[in-house]
N, C-alpha and C. Protein backbone atom coordinates (compact mmCIF):
# COMPACT_ATOMS: atom_id res chain seq x y z
N UNK A 1 -21.05 14.88 65.10
CA UNK A 1 -20.99 16.19 65.36
C UNK A 1 -21.29 16.62 66.73
N UNK A 2 -20.58 17.45 67.43
CA UNK A 2 -20.77 17.68 68.85
C UNK A 2 -21.01 19.21 69.03
N UNK A 3 -22.16 19.54 69.61
CA UNK A 3 -22.43 21.00 69.88
C UNK A 3 -22.02 21.21 71.43
N UNK A 4 -21.47 22.46 71.52
CA UNK A 4 -21.01 22.91 72.86
C UNK A 4 -22.24 22.88 73.69
N UNK A 5 -22.10 22.63 75.00
CA UNK A 5 -23.23 22.65 75.97
C UNK A 5 -23.86 24.05 76.09
N UNK A 6 -23.09 25.07 76.01
CA UNK A 6 -23.66 26.48 76.07
C UNK A 6 -24.47 26.67 74.85
N UNK A 7 -24.15 26.36 73.59
CA UNK A 7 -24.89 26.61 72.46
C UNK A 7 -26.19 25.79 72.62
N UNK A 8 -26.15 24.46 73.02
CA UNK A 8 -27.41 23.73 73.26
C UNK A 8 -28.22 24.49 74.27
N UNK A 9 -27.71 24.84 75.34
CA UNK A 9 -28.48 25.62 76.30
C UNK A 9 -29.03 26.90 75.85
N UNK A 10 -28.40 27.58 74.96
CA UNK A 10 -28.95 28.85 74.40
C UNK A 10 -30.10 28.54 73.51
N UNK A 11 -30.08 27.44 72.73
CA UNK A 11 -31.17 27.04 71.91
C UNK A 11 -32.35 26.59 72.56
N UNK A 12 -32.07 25.88 73.78
CA UNK A 12 -33.22 25.38 74.65
C UNK A 12 -33.86 26.56 75.38
N UNK A 13 -33.07 27.65 75.65
CA UNK A 13 -33.60 28.79 76.42
C UNK A 13 -34.65 29.53 75.32
N UNK A 14 -34.10 29.72 74.12
CA UNK A 14 -34.81 30.39 73.09
C UNK A 14 -36.16 29.54 72.86
N UNK A 15 -36.17 28.26 72.82
CA UNK A 15 -37.29 27.49 72.57
C UNK A 15 -38.20 27.66 73.86
N UNK A 16 -37.80 27.59 75.01
CA UNK A 16 -38.64 27.78 76.09
C UNK A 16 -39.23 29.11 76.17
N UNK A 17 -38.54 30.15 75.76
CA UNK A 17 -39.13 31.55 75.61
C UNK A 17 -40.15 31.60 74.67
N UNK A 18 -40.05 30.91 73.52
CA UNK A 18 -40.94 30.98 72.51
C UNK A 18 -42.22 30.19 72.94
N UNK A 19 -42.15 29.08 73.80
CA UNK A 19 -43.19 28.42 74.33
C UNK A 19 -43.98 29.31 75.27
N UNK A 20 -43.23 30.04 76.08
CA UNK A 20 -43.91 30.80 76.99
C UNK A 20 -44.67 31.97 76.41
N UNK A 21 -44.11 32.48 75.30
CA UNK A 21 -44.80 33.41 74.50
C UNK A 21 -46.11 32.98 73.92
N UNK A 22 -45.93 31.79 73.31
CA UNK A 22 -47.14 31.21 72.63
C UNK A 22 -48.23 30.89 73.56
N UNK A 23 -47.85 30.28 74.85
CA UNK A 23 -48.96 29.90 75.72
C UNK A 23 -49.76 31.08 76.31
N UNK A 24 -49.16 32.14 76.19
CA UNK A 24 -49.98 33.30 76.60
C UNK A 24 -51.17 33.67 75.71
N UNK A 25 -51.12 32.98 74.51
CA UNK A 25 -52.24 33.24 73.59
C UNK A 25 -53.33 32.25 73.81
N UNK A 26 -53.14 31.40 74.71
CA UNK A 26 -54.22 30.24 75.00
C UNK A 26 -55.30 30.90 75.75
N UNK A 27 -56.47 30.58 75.33
CA UNK A 27 -57.78 31.10 76.02
C UNK A 27 -57.78 30.52 77.44
N UNK A 28 -58.29 31.53 78.41
CA UNK A 28 -58.39 31.12 79.77
C UNK A 28 -59.67 30.31 79.93
N UNK A 29 -59.66 29.58 80.93
CA UNK A 29 -60.79 28.69 81.20
C UNK A 29 -61.81 29.35 82.31
N UNK A 30 -62.98 29.60 82.12
CA UNK A 30 -63.82 30.34 83.07
C UNK A 30 -64.08 29.52 84.26
N UNK A 31 -63.89 30.15 85.46
CA UNK A 31 -64.08 29.43 86.68
C UNK A 31 -62.97 28.66 87.09
N UNK A 32 -61.79 28.67 86.35
CA UNK A 32 -60.54 27.95 86.69
C UNK A 32 -59.47 28.89 87.09
N UNK A 33 -58.76 28.52 88.10
CA UNK A 33 -57.52 29.35 88.56
C UNK A 33 -56.33 29.18 87.56
N UNK A 34 -56.37 28.06 86.77
CA UNK A 34 -55.30 27.94 85.85
C UNK A 34 -56.09 27.49 84.54
N UNK A 35 -55.21 27.68 83.45
CA UNK A 35 -55.80 27.32 82.08
C UNK A 35 -54.87 26.34 81.33
N UNK A 36 -55.18 26.24 80.05
CA UNK A 36 -54.39 25.16 79.25
C UNK A 36 -52.88 25.44 79.10
N UNK A 37 -52.39 26.77 79.47
CA UNK A 37 -51.07 27.09 79.24
C UNK A 37 -50.29 26.83 80.50
N UNK A 38 -50.91 26.23 81.57
CA UNK A 38 -50.11 26.08 82.81
C UNK A 38 -49.05 25.08 82.65
N UNK A 39 -49.37 23.83 82.21
CA UNK A 39 -48.40 22.76 82.09
C UNK A 39 -47.31 23.14 81.07
N UNK A 40 -47.59 23.53 79.87
CA UNK A 40 -46.55 24.03 78.95
C UNK A 40 -45.71 25.00 79.57
N UNK A 41 -46.24 25.99 80.39
CA UNK A 41 -45.45 26.99 81.00
C UNK A 41 -44.41 26.35 82.05
N UNK A 42 -45.06 25.43 82.84
CA UNK A 42 -44.12 24.81 83.76
C UNK A 42 -42.99 24.10 83.14
N UNK A 43 -43.23 23.44 82.01
CA UNK A 43 -42.18 22.60 81.33
C UNK A 43 -41.15 23.71 80.86
N UNK A 44 -41.70 24.75 80.19
CA UNK A 44 -40.78 25.85 79.60
C UNK A 44 -39.80 26.36 80.81
N UNK A 45 -40.37 26.68 81.90
CA UNK A 45 -39.62 27.12 83.03
C UNK A 45 -38.59 26.04 83.48
N UNK A 46 -38.96 24.86 83.55
CA UNK A 46 -38.06 23.79 83.71
C UNK A 46 -36.89 23.71 82.78
N UNK A 47 -37.30 24.00 81.52
CA UNK A 47 -36.21 23.92 80.39
C UNK A 47 -35.27 25.07 80.55
N UNK A 48 -35.83 26.23 80.99
CA UNK A 48 -34.82 27.33 81.22
C UNK A 48 -33.88 27.08 82.41
N UNK A 49 -34.54 26.57 83.49
CA UNK A 49 -33.77 26.22 84.69
C UNK A 49 -32.54 25.17 84.36
N UNK A 50 -33.01 24.19 83.62
CA UNK A 50 -32.02 23.05 83.37
C UNK A 50 -31.07 23.76 82.34
N UNK A 51 -31.42 24.50 81.44
CA UNK A 51 -30.41 25.12 80.54
C UNK A 51 -29.50 25.96 81.22
N UNK A 52 -29.89 26.69 82.22
CA UNK A 52 -28.97 27.48 83.06
C UNK A 52 -27.93 26.66 83.80
N UNK A 53 -28.31 25.43 84.11
CA UNK A 53 -27.33 24.54 84.70
C UNK A 53 -26.32 24.10 83.71
N UNK A 54 -26.96 23.86 82.47
CA UNK A 54 -25.92 23.57 81.35
C UNK A 54 -24.81 24.69 81.17
N UNK A 55 -25.49 25.94 81.17
CA UNK A 55 -24.53 27.08 80.86
C UNK A 55 -23.53 27.20 82.00
N UNK A 56 -23.91 27.01 83.25
CA UNK A 56 -22.93 27.17 84.37
C UNK A 56 -21.85 26.08 84.19
N UNK A 57 -22.29 24.77 83.85
CA UNK A 57 -21.28 23.81 83.65
C UNK A 57 -20.39 23.96 82.41
N UNK A 58 -20.91 24.66 81.44
CA UNK A 58 -20.16 24.96 80.19
C UNK A 58 -19.04 26.05 80.60
N UNK A 59 -19.51 27.10 81.41
CA UNK A 59 -18.55 27.95 81.79
C UNK A 59 -17.47 27.50 82.67
N UNK A 60 -17.88 26.49 83.49
CA UNK A 60 -16.81 25.96 84.45
C UNK A 60 -15.84 25.04 83.73
N UNK A 61 -16.29 24.32 82.73
CA UNK A 61 -15.62 23.27 82.11
C UNK A 61 -14.54 23.79 81.20
N UNK A 62 -13.83 22.85 80.58
CA UNK A 62 -12.60 23.02 79.73
C UNK A 62 -13.17 23.78 78.45
N UNK A 63 -12.26 24.58 77.85
CA UNK A 63 -12.69 25.35 76.75
C UNK A 63 -12.89 24.40 75.48
N UNK A 64 -14.10 24.53 74.93
CA UNK A 64 -14.39 23.62 73.85
C UNK A 64 -14.78 24.49 72.54
N UNK A 65 -14.62 24.01 71.45
CA UNK A 65 -15.28 24.64 70.31
C UNK A 65 -16.67 24.68 70.19
N UNK A 66 -17.41 25.65 69.71
CA UNK A 66 -18.89 25.65 69.64
C UNK A 66 -19.44 24.43 68.88
N UNK A 67 -18.75 24.04 67.71
CA UNK A 67 -19.24 22.93 67.03
C UNK A 67 -17.94 22.13 66.77
N UNK A 68 -18.10 20.78 66.97
CA UNK A 68 -16.91 19.85 66.60
C UNK A 68 -17.46 18.92 65.67
N UNK A 69 -16.71 18.82 64.60
CA UNK A 69 -17.27 17.93 63.45
C UNK A 69 -16.60 16.50 63.77
N UNK A 70 -17.50 15.42 63.75
CA UNK A 70 -17.00 14.08 63.95
C UNK A 70 -16.42 13.56 62.65
N UNK A 71 -15.79 12.50 62.82
CA UNK A 71 -15.11 11.84 61.52
C UNK A 71 -16.15 11.29 60.61
N UNK A 72 -17.34 10.95 61.11
CA UNK A 72 -18.20 10.26 60.23
C UNK A 72 -18.73 11.34 59.15
N UNK A 73 -18.71 12.75 59.55
CA UNK A 73 -19.22 13.67 58.64
C UNK A 73 -18.27 13.76 57.47
N UNK A 74 -16.93 13.35 57.66
CA UNK A 74 -16.02 13.37 56.66
C UNK A 74 -15.94 12.14 55.83
N UNK A 75 -16.63 11.14 56.11
CA UNK A 75 -16.72 9.92 55.50
C UNK A 75 -17.89 9.89 54.60
N UNK A 76 -17.61 10.02 53.15
CA UNK A 76 -18.65 10.21 52.21
C UNK A 76 -19.83 9.17 52.31
N UNK A 77 -19.45 7.99 52.50
CA UNK A 77 -20.57 6.94 52.58
C UNK A 77 -21.53 7.06 53.76
N UNK A 78 -20.87 7.41 54.98
CA UNK A 78 -21.71 7.78 56.09
C UNK A 78 -22.49 9.04 55.97
N UNK A 79 -21.95 9.87 55.38
CA UNK A 79 -22.65 11.24 55.12
C UNK A 79 -23.81 11.06 54.19
N UNK A 80 -23.61 10.12 53.14
CA UNK A 80 -24.63 9.84 52.23
C UNK A 80 -25.82 9.13 52.93
N UNK A 81 -25.50 8.15 53.68
CA UNK A 81 -26.48 7.39 54.47
C UNK A 81 -27.26 8.35 55.35
N UNK A 82 -26.59 9.42 55.91
CA UNK A 82 -27.38 10.30 56.87
C UNK A 82 -28.28 11.12 55.91
N UNK A 83 -27.75 11.59 54.84
CA UNK A 83 -28.63 12.46 53.96
C UNK A 83 -29.77 11.70 53.34
N UNK A 84 -29.52 10.52 53.08
CA UNK A 84 -30.54 9.51 52.58
C UNK A 84 -31.60 9.36 53.57
N UNK A 85 -31.36 9.20 54.88
CA UNK A 85 -32.34 8.96 55.82
C UNK A 85 -33.03 10.31 56.08
N UNK A 86 -32.37 11.40 56.28
CA UNK A 86 -33.06 12.71 56.29
C UNK A 86 -34.02 12.94 55.15
N UNK A 87 -33.52 12.65 53.88
CA UNK A 87 -34.26 12.85 52.60
C UNK A 87 -35.49 11.93 52.67
N UNK A 88 -35.33 10.75 53.11
CA UNK A 88 -36.55 9.76 53.04
C UNK A 88 -37.60 10.29 54.03
N UNK A 89 -37.16 10.80 55.21
CA UNK A 89 -38.07 11.43 56.16
C UNK A 89 -38.85 12.59 55.55
N UNK A 90 -38.01 13.42 54.89
CA UNK A 90 -38.54 14.61 54.21
C UNK A 90 -39.49 14.28 53.12
N UNK A 91 -39.24 13.35 52.32
CA UNK A 91 -39.99 12.80 51.25
C UNK A 91 -41.32 12.29 51.79
N UNK A 92 -41.33 11.43 52.90
CA UNK A 92 -42.54 11.05 53.48
C UNK A 92 -43.35 12.27 54.05
N UNK A 93 -42.71 13.14 54.66
CA UNK A 93 -43.43 14.26 55.15
C UNK A 93 -44.23 15.09 54.13
N UNK A 94 -43.51 15.37 52.99
CA UNK A 94 -43.90 16.17 51.86
C UNK A 94 -44.87 15.51 51.00
N UNK A 95 -44.76 14.12 50.82
CA UNK A 95 -45.49 13.51 49.76
C UNK A 95 -46.67 12.44 50.39
N UNK A 96 -46.65 12.14 51.64
CA UNK A 96 -47.55 11.18 52.12
C UNK A 96 -49.05 11.58 52.10
N UNK A 97 -49.34 12.88 52.34
CA UNK A 97 -50.61 13.40 52.10
C UNK A 97 -51.07 13.15 50.74
N UNK A 98 -50.41 13.57 49.80
CA UNK A 98 -50.70 13.48 48.36
C UNK A 98 -50.76 11.99 47.84
N UNK A 99 -49.56 11.42 48.00
CA UNK A 99 -49.46 9.96 47.41
C UNK A 99 -50.12 8.94 48.28
N UNK A 100 -50.04 9.25 49.61
CA UNK A 100 -50.53 8.17 50.58
C UNK A 100 -49.46 7.33 51.07
N UNK A 101 -49.74 6.70 52.25
CA UNK A 101 -48.78 5.92 53.09
C UNK A 101 -48.45 4.73 52.28
N UNK A 102 -49.37 4.03 51.60
CA UNK A 102 -49.13 2.84 50.76
C UNK A 102 -48.21 2.94 49.60
N UNK A 103 -48.15 4.27 49.11
CA UNK A 103 -47.13 4.40 48.08
C UNK A 103 -45.82 5.03 48.61
N UNK A 104 -45.92 5.98 49.42
CA UNK A 104 -44.73 6.79 49.94
C UNK A 104 -43.77 5.79 50.79
N UNK A 105 -44.32 5.09 51.62
CA UNK A 105 -43.67 4.23 52.60
C UNK A 105 -42.80 3.14 51.89
N UNK A 106 -43.37 2.41 50.84
CA UNK A 106 -42.57 1.43 50.25
C UNK A 106 -41.42 2.11 49.29
N UNK A 107 -41.77 3.20 48.72
CA UNK A 107 -40.67 3.89 47.97
C UNK A 107 -39.54 4.21 48.78
N UNK A 108 -39.84 4.95 49.97
CA UNK A 108 -38.83 5.32 50.81
C UNK A 108 -38.03 4.21 51.37
N UNK A 109 -38.68 3.15 51.86
CA UNK A 109 -37.95 1.96 52.35
C UNK A 109 -37.16 1.23 51.32
N UNK A 110 -37.70 1.15 50.11
CA UNK A 110 -36.91 0.48 48.94
C UNK A 110 -35.66 1.37 48.78
N UNK A 111 -35.78 2.65 48.71
CA UNK A 111 -34.63 3.49 48.46
C UNK A 111 -33.48 3.23 49.50
N UNK A 112 -33.99 3.13 50.81
CA UNK A 112 -33.11 2.99 52.00
C UNK A 112 -32.31 1.62 51.75
N UNK A 113 -33.09 0.62 51.53
CA UNK A 113 -32.52 -0.65 51.52
C UNK A 113 -31.55 -0.85 50.37
N UNK A 114 -31.91 -0.38 49.12
CA UNK A 114 -30.94 -0.53 48.04
C UNK A 114 -29.75 0.37 48.15
N UNK A 115 -29.92 1.62 48.76
CA UNK A 115 -28.76 2.45 49.07
C UNK A 115 -27.89 1.83 50.10
N UNK A 116 -28.29 1.10 51.03
CA UNK A 116 -27.41 0.48 51.96
C UNK A 116 -26.83 -0.89 51.57
N UNK A 117 -27.12 -1.26 50.31
CA UNK A 117 -26.44 -2.31 49.68
C UNK A 117 -27.34 -3.75 49.77
N UNK A 118 -28.56 -3.51 50.11
CA UNK A 118 -29.54 -4.78 49.93
C UNK A 118 -29.83 -4.94 48.50
N UNK A 119 -29.69 -6.27 47.99
CA UNK A 119 -30.02 -6.56 46.69
C UNK A 119 -31.56 -6.26 46.44
N UNK A 120 -31.83 -5.92 45.22
CA UNK A 120 -33.21 -5.60 44.82
C UNK A 120 -34.22 -6.78 45.04
N UNK A 121 -33.80 -7.92 44.81
CA UNK A 121 -34.52 -9.14 44.98
C UNK A 121 -35.01 -9.23 46.49
N UNK A 122 -34.12 -9.01 47.31
CA UNK A 122 -34.37 -9.18 48.84
C UNK A 122 -35.14 -7.80 49.36
N UNK A 123 -34.86 -6.70 48.79
CA UNK A 123 -35.34 -5.42 49.27
C UNK A 123 -36.83 -5.24 48.91
N UNK A 124 -37.24 -5.62 47.67
CA UNK A 124 -38.61 -5.42 47.28
C UNK A 124 -39.65 -6.06 48.12
N UNK A 125 -39.51 -7.42 48.54
CA UNK A 125 -40.49 -7.91 49.41
C UNK A 125 -40.57 -7.30 50.86
N UNK A 126 -39.37 -6.86 51.21
CA UNK A 126 -39.30 -6.10 52.51
C UNK A 126 -40.09 -4.80 52.40
N UNK A 127 -39.86 -4.15 51.34
CA UNK A 127 -40.44 -2.83 51.11
C UNK A 127 -41.93 -2.86 50.93
N UNK A 128 -42.41 -4.11 50.60
CA UNK A 128 -43.85 -4.27 50.45
C UNK A 128 -44.54 -4.78 51.79
N UNK A 129 -43.96 -5.78 52.46
CA UNK A 129 -44.45 -6.31 53.62
C UNK A 129 -44.35 -5.51 54.82
N UNK A 130 -43.23 -4.73 55.03
CA UNK A 130 -42.94 -4.04 56.26
C UNK A 130 -44.12 -2.90 56.34
N UNK A 131 -44.36 -2.12 55.34
CA UNK A 131 -45.35 -1.07 55.33
C UNK A 131 -46.64 -1.72 55.65
N UNK A 132 -47.07 -2.73 55.16
CA UNK A 132 -48.29 -3.45 55.43
C UNK A 132 -48.38 -3.76 56.98
N UNK A 133 -47.35 -4.25 57.44
CA UNK A 133 -47.27 -4.68 58.87
C UNK A 133 -47.41 -3.39 59.76
N UNK A 134 -46.73 -2.29 59.40
CA UNK A 134 -46.78 -1.07 60.07
C UNK A 134 -48.24 -0.41 60.00
N UNK A 135 -48.78 -0.46 58.86
CA UNK A 135 -50.08 -0.03 58.69
C UNK A 135 -51.17 -0.97 59.60
N UNK A 136 -51.00 -2.10 59.65
CA UNK A 136 -51.77 -2.84 60.65
C UNK A 136 -51.67 -2.51 62.02
N UNK A 137 -50.43 -2.34 62.44
CA UNK A 137 -50.12 -1.88 63.76
C UNK A 137 -50.75 -0.59 64.17
N UNK A 138 -50.63 0.46 63.33
CA UNK A 138 -51.14 1.87 63.56
C UNK A 138 -52.64 1.81 63.31
N UNK A 139 -53.08 1.24 62.24
CA UNK A 139 -54.51 1.46 61.89
C UNK A 139 -55.36 0.62 62.72
N UNK A 140 -55.05 -0.65 62.92
CA UNK A 140 -55.85 -1.62 63.63
C UNK A 140 -55.65 -1.58 65.14
N UNK A 141 -54.53 -1.75 65.50
CA UNK A 141 -54.21 -1.96 66.95
C UNK A 141 -54.10 -0.57 67.60
N UNK A 142 -53.53 0.34 67.17
CA UNK A 142 -53.35 1.64 67.72
C UNK A 142 -54.45 2.67 67.31
N UNK A 143 -55.29 2.37 66.39
CA UNK A 143 -56.40 3.32 65.83
C UNK A 143 -55.83 4.71 65.37
N UNK A 144 -54.68 4.65 64.79
CA UNK A 144 -54.04 5.79 64.14
C UNK A 144 -54.13 5.72 62.71
N UNK A 145 -54.97 6.51 62.01
CA UNK A 145 -55.09 6.47 60.56
C UNK A 145 -53.79 7.08 59.94
N UNK A 146 -53.48 6.42 58.92
CA UNK A 146 -52.34 6.68 58.05
C UNK A 146 -52.92 7.43 56.73
N UNK A 147 -52.24 8.31 56.10
CA UNK A 147 -52.98 9.01 54.94
C UNK A 147 -53.09 7.98 53.73
N UNK A 148 -54.24 8.08 53.07
CA UNK A 148 -54.49 7.14 51.83
C UNK A 148 -54.05 7.75 50.58
N UNK A 149 -54.16 9.18 50.53
CA UNK A 149 -53.69 9.89 49.24
C UNK A 149 -54.43 9.50 48.15
N UNK A 150 -53.67 9.07 47.03
CA UNK A 150 -54.30 8.71 45.75
C UNK A 150 -55.22 7.42 45.85
N UNK A 151 -54.98 6.61 46.96
CA UNK A 151 -55.83 5.43 47.17
C UNK A 151 -56.99 5.64 48.08
N UNK A 152 -57.42 6.91 48.33
CA UNK A 152 -58.40 7.25 49.17
C UNK A 152 -59.85 6.53 48.87
N UNK A 153 -60.03 6.37 47.56
CA UNK A 153 -61.26 5.66 47.13
C UNK A 153 -61.29 4.19 47.36
N UNK A 154 -60.01 3.67 47.63
CA UNK A 154 -59.80 2.20 47.92
C UNK A 154 -59.64 1.96 49.42
N UNK A 155 -59.78 3.00 50.29
CA UNK A 155 -59.49 2.78 51.69
C UNK A 155 -60.51 1.70 52.36
N UNK A 156 -59.95 1.00 53.37
CA UNK A 156 -60.81 0.01 54.05
C UNK A 156 -60.94 0.58 55.51
C-alpha cells in the first residue's frame, strides 16, 4: 500500500503540532533559559519543515491517488500473514503484563511459525529456545526487565 506524499506530510504535521502542544505542559526548570520541552520542540519544528518540503514536492509531482493498494493486499495468504504479525504484536502488548513474557512470547512465536508453514515438531523447540535467548539478552546483557506476569513468584 502506498500513501500519497501529501497525505503523509499532513499526518506528520498533525503529529508535530500535537507534540508542540504537549511540550508546552512540561514544567520549566528554575534558573535555566530552556527546559525539557526544548529538544522535542526543535524536533517537531524540523518535522513540520520536512513535511512542508514533502507537500511542495507532492504538489509539483505527477497526479497520484491518495492511497494506492498494492497487489499483496489482494493476495489472501500475504494479507493473512500481515494480520497474523499485527495480531501477534497486539496479543503481546495486551497480554504480556498479565501472562508474562515467558508465556506470551512462546505462544506468539509458535503461532507465527505454524501459520507460516513450519511443522509443529520443528516450531516447538524454536518457540521455547528463542524467547529464552531473547530474555537472556534483554535481562542479563541489556538490563531491561521483561514482564513476569503469572510467573512473578518464580522470577530470578
